[in-house]
Amino acid sequence: MKELSENFLELEAEIISIIEKGNELNSKKKHEEAISLYKKAWGILPEPKLGWEMISSWLAGSFFTAYFYLEEYDLAKHWAIKQLDSDDADSNTAPLIALGMVCFELNELKEAFGYFDSAYIYGKERAFKGRPEKYFKFYLSENNK
């Protein structure tokens, strides 16, 4: 992975600004407006879109969050996979938890358990912190079978 700032310092600043504005809108439950900004940022992100340290994963995760809140789970899963693919930190459990959550909501329970289990291996209960309790309860229930 490369840092965008190495070759595109001004572009990186612009993309960060757009993502931050989108995240502000997302936190105000203006998910559709946030997605519009994320699409703008994605559109100006140079190829390879998933090859930029931090920016690629952050943007994909922002898309995931907005689509997840809108209960557009197929799109949320698409972006959760991109987030996982662009994250080069093996110990980062957030993309795994995101995929587990969306698979759970899509009733893809075997797949959900697999992602939750991978996250648990690295982060134990901490990996589920700040997430709705139903996901950790599901994980524990399935793990005890």
Protein backbone atom coordinates (compact mmCIF):
# COMPACT_ATOMS: atom_id res chain seq x y z
CA MET A 1 0.00 0.00 0.00
CA LYS A 2 1.12 3.49 -0.75
CA GLU A 3 0.26 6.75 0.90
CA LEU A 4 -1.69 9.05 -1.37
CA SER A 5 0.21 12.04 -0.01
CA GLU A 6 3.48 10.74 -1.49
CA ASN A 7 2.37 11.75 -4.97
CA PHE A 8 -0.93 13.58 -4.54
CA LEU A 9 -0.72 15.75 -1.42
CA GLU A 10 -3.39 18.26 -2.47
CA LEU A 11 -5.69 15.54 -3.75
CA GLU A 12 -5.35 13.67 -0.47
CA ALA A 13 -6.35 16.79 1.46
CA GLU A 14 -9.37 17.25 -0.81
CA ILE A 15 -10.48 13.63 -0.41
CA ILE A 16 -10.06 13.78 3.37
CA SER A 17 -12.15 16.94 3.48
CA ILE A 18 -14.92 15.33 1.42
CA ILE A 19 -14.96 12.18 3.56
CA GLU A 20 -15.07 14.24 6.76
CA LYS A 21 -18.03 16.26 5.44
CA GLY A 22 -19.75 13.03 4.46
CA ASN A 23 -19.15 11.56 7.89
CA GLU A 24 -20.63 14.67 9.51
CA LEU A 25 -23.75 14.24 7.38
CA ASN A 26 -23.84 10.54 8.18
CA SER A 27 -23.73 11.28 11.91
CA LYS A 28 -26.72 13.59 11.41
CA LYS A 29 -28.60 10.71 9.73
CA LYS A 30 -28.31 12.35 6.32
CA HIS A 31 -27.05 9.12 4.82
CA GLU A 32 -28.04 9.76 1.21
CA GLU A 33 -26.23 13.10 1.21
CA ALA A 34 -23.21 11.44 2.79
CA ILE A 35 -23.19 8.75 0.10
CA SER A 36 -23.23 11.46 -2.54
CA LEU A 37 -20.04 12.91 -1.06
CA TYR A 38 -18.43 9.49 -0.72
CA LYS A 39 -19.14 8.87 -4.42
CA LYS A 40 -17.46 12.18 -5.22
CA ALA A 41 -14.39 11.17 -3.19
CA TRP A 42 -14.33 7.70 -4.77
CA GLY A 43 -14.55 9.27 -8.21
CA ILE A 44 -11.43 11.37 -7.72
CA LEU A 45 -9.45 8.69 -5.89
CA PRO A 46 -6.72 7.49 -8.28
CA GLU A 47 -6.33 3.87 -9.30
CA PRO A 48 -5.79 1.46 -7.75
CA LYS A 49 -8.76 2.57 -5.66
CA LEU A 50 -8.09 0.00 -2.94
CA GLY A 51 -4.35 0.57 -2.87
CA TRP A 52 -4.06 3.75 -0.82
CA GLU A 53 -3.08 3.37 2.80
CA MET A 54 -5.75 4.60 5.18
CA ILE A 55 -7.82 6.52 2.60
CA SER A 56 -9.13 3.47 0.72
CA SER A 57 -10.22 1.63 3.83
CA TRP A 58 -11.66 4.73 5.49
CA LEU A 59 -13.73 5.64 2.45
CA ALA A 60 -15.00 2.08 1.95
CA GLY A 61 -15.89 1.93 5.65
CA SER A 62 -17.77 5.21 5.37
CA PHE A 63 -19.80 3.85 2.45
CA PHE A 64 -20.49 0.69 4.48
CA THR A 65 -21.76 2.66 7.46
CA ALA A 66 -24.14 4.82 5.42
CA TYR A 67 -25.58 1.88 3.50
CA PHE A 68 -25.86 -0.19 6.68
CA TYR A 69 -27.87 2.56 8.41
CA LEU A 70 -30.12 2.74 5.34
CA GLU A 71 -30.58 -1.05 5.65
CA GLU A 72 -29.28 -1.47 2.11
CA TYR A 73 -27.39 -4.54 3.19
CA ASP A 74 -26.28 -5.80 -0.23
CA LEU A 75 -24.54 -2.48 -0.89
CA ALA A 76 -23.23 -2.39 2.67
CA LYS A 77 -21.69 -5.83 2.17
CA HIS A 78 -20.11 -4.74 -1.10
CA TRP A 79 -18.34 -1.88 0.68
CA ALA A 80 -17.46 -3.95 3.75
CA ILE A 81 -15.64 -6.36 1.45
CA LYS A 82 -13.80 -3.44 -0.17
CA GLN A 83 -12.87 -2.16 3.29
CA LEU A 84 -11.46 -5.54 4.25
CA ASP A 85 -9.61 -5.83 0.94
CA SER A 86 -8.03 -2.40 1.37
CA ASP A 87 -7.04 -2.78 5.01
CA ASP A 88 -3.48 -4.03 5.36
CA ALA A 89 -3.52 -4.33 9.16
CA ASP A 90 -4.22 -7.96 9.98
CA SER A 91 -5.15 -7.07 13.54
CA ASN A 92 -7.80 -4.48 12.58
CA THR A 93 -11.06 -6.14 13.53
CA ALA A 94 -13.42 -3.38 12.33
CA PRO A 95 -13.76 -4.67 8.73
CA LEU A 96 -14.36 -8.21 10.00
CA ILE A 97 -17.04 -7.05 12.44
CA ALA A 98 -18.66 -4.95 9.71
CA LEU A 99 -18.83 -7.97 7.42
CA GLY A 100 -20.17 -10.12 10.22
CA MET A 101 -22.87 -7.59 11.01
CA VAL A 102 -24.06 -7.24 7.44
CA CYS A 103 -23.99 -11.00 6.85
CA PHE A 104 -26.04 -11.43 10.02
CA GLU A 105 -28.61 -8.93 8.71
CA LEU A 106 -28.69 -10.75 5.35
CA ASN A 107 -29.32 -14.01 7.26
CA GLU A 108 -26.00 -15.40 6.03
CA LEU A 109 -25.35 -16.74 9.49
CA LYS A 110 -22.53 -19.19 8.75
CA GLU A 111 -20.62 -16.42 6.98
CA ALA A 112 -21.41 -13.96 9.79
CA PHE A 113 -20.05 -16.37 12.38
CA GLY A 114 -16.84 -16.82 10.38
CA TYR A 115 -16.15 -13.09 10.26
CA PHE A 116 -17.03 -12.64 13.93
CA ASP A 117 -14.79 -15.55 14.85
CA SER A 118 -11.86 -14.08 12.94
CA ALA A 119 -12.39 -10.75 14.72
CA TYR A 120 -12.66 -12.48 18.09
CA ILE A 121 -9.34 -14.27 17.57
CA TYR A 122 -7.59 -10.88 17.37
CA GLY A 123 -9.64 -8.69 19.67
CA LYS A 124 -11.67 -10.96 21.95
CA GLU A 125 -14.72 -9.13 23.39
CA ARG A 126 -13.08 -5.78 22.62
CA ALA A 127 -13.65 -6.41 18.89
CA PHE A 128 -17.40 -6.13 19.52
CA LYS A 129 -17.21 -3.02 21.69
CA GLY A 130 -19.48 -0.20 20.52
CA ARG A 131 -21.56 -2.56 18.39
CA PRO A 132 -25.11 -3.70 19.14
CA GLU A 133 -25.03 -6.48 21.70
CA LYS A 134 -27.02 -8.88 19.50
CA TYR A 135 -23.95 -9.57 17.36
CA PHE A 136 -21.77 -10.65 20.27
CA LYS A 137 -24.63 -12.71 21.72
CA PHE A 138 -25.04 -14.45 18.36
CA TYR A 139 -21.30 -15.12 18.20
CA LEU A 140 -21.20 -16.58 21.71
CA SER A 141 -24.28 -18.69 21.07
CA GLU A 142 -22.87 -20.14 17.86
CA ASN A 143 -19.41 -20.59 19.37
CA ASN A 144 -20.85 -22.65 22.23
CA LYS A 145 -22.60 -25.12 19.90
